[in-house]
């Protein structure tokens, strides 16, 4: 398993039987990937989505800014 720090998140990719899996923080993505680069890119995209979701939640709450 290989771990990367992506912003505030930890992205982990692992290979089992030629299929790559991704875990962002403690949540596994539901899709398998055919190579490490695709798995890593999917993990980075998910970490970015989570960051945008957190910022949007703060803005909706009436406070503009990051957590």
Protein backbone atom coordinates (compact mmCIF):
# COMPACT_ATOMS: atom_id res chain seq x y z
CA UNK A 1 0.00 0.00 0.00
CA UNK A 2 1.26 3.45 -0.92
CA UNK A 3 0.07 6.56 0.95
CA UNK A 4 -0.01 10.16 -0.25
CA UNK A 5 -0.92 13.32 1.63
CA UNK A 6 -3.35 15.30 -0.57
CA UNK A 7 -4.29 18.56 1.10
CA UNK A 8 -5.98 17.61 4.36
CA UNK A 9 -6.55 14.01 3.26
CA UNK A 10 -4.62 10.76 3.09
CA UNK A 11 -4.96 8.82 -0.18
CA UNK A 12 -3.90 5.18 -0.10
CA UNK A 13 -3.61 2.97 -3.17
CA UNK A 14 -3.04 -0.75 -3.13
CA UNK A 15 -2.74 -3.53 -5.67
CA UNK A 16 -4.39 -6.92 -5.37
CA UNK A 17 -4.36 -9.37 -8.26
CA UNK A 18 -3.67 -6.66 -10.84
CA UNK A 19 -6.50 -4.39 -9.65
CA UNK A 20 -5.80 -1.11 -7.89
CA UNK A 21 -7.99 0.06 -5.03
CA UNK A 22 -8.19 3.54 -3.46
CA UNK A 23 -8.97 4.65 0.08
CA UNK A 24 -9.35 8.35 0.90
CA UNK A 25 -9.06 8.93 4.63
CA UNK A 26 -11.05 5.90 5.83
CA UNK A 27 -13.50 5.57 2.91
CA UNK A 28 -12.82 3.13 0.08
CA UNK A 29 -13.80 4.18 -3.43
CA UNK A 30 -16.17 1.68 -5.00
CA UNK A 31 -14.29 1.29 -8.29
CA UNK A 32 -11.18 -0.73 -9.13
CA UNK A 33 -8.49 0.72 -11.43
CA UNK A 34 -6.20 -0.97 -13.94
CA UNK A 35 -3.03 0.90 -12.97
CA UNK A 36 -1.51 2.91 -10.16
CA UNK A 37 -1.69 6.23 -12.04
CA UNK A 38 -5.47 5.94 -12.56
CA UNK A 39 -5.98 4.94 -8.93
CA UNK A 40 -3.87 7.85 -7.66
CA UNK A 41 -5.69 10.34 -9.93
CA UNK A 42 -9.07 9.09 -8.68
CA UNK A 43 -7.91 9.50 -5.08
CA UNK A 44 -6.71 13.05 -5.73
CA UNK A 45 -10.03 13.93 -7.39
CA UNK A 46 -11.96 12.54 -4.41
CA UNK A 47 -9.78 14.46 -1.92
CA UNK A 48 -10.38 17.64 -3.93
CA UNK A 49 -14.14 16.97 -3.99
CA UNK A 50 -14.16 16.52 -0.22
CA UNK A 51 -12.26 19.80 0.25
CA UNK A 52 -14.75 21.68 -1.97
CA UNK A 53 -17.65 20.07 -0.11
CA UNK A 54 -16.25 21.24 3.25
CA UNK A 55 -15.79 24.81 1.99
CA UNK A 56 -19.33 24.87 0.57
CA UNK A 57 -20.75 23.65 3.89
CA UNK A 58 -18.97 26.45 5.72
CA UNK A 59 -20.22 29.04 3.22
CA UNK A 60 -23.82 27.80 3.54
CA UNK A 61 -23.50 28.12 7.31
CA UNK A 62 -22.94 31.85 6.94
CA UNK A 63 -19.19 31.86 7.47
CA UNK A 64 -17.12 32.24 4.34
CA UNK A 65 -13.73 30.55 4.47
CA UNK A 66 -12.01 27.26 4.97
CA UNK A 67 -12.25 25.04 8.00
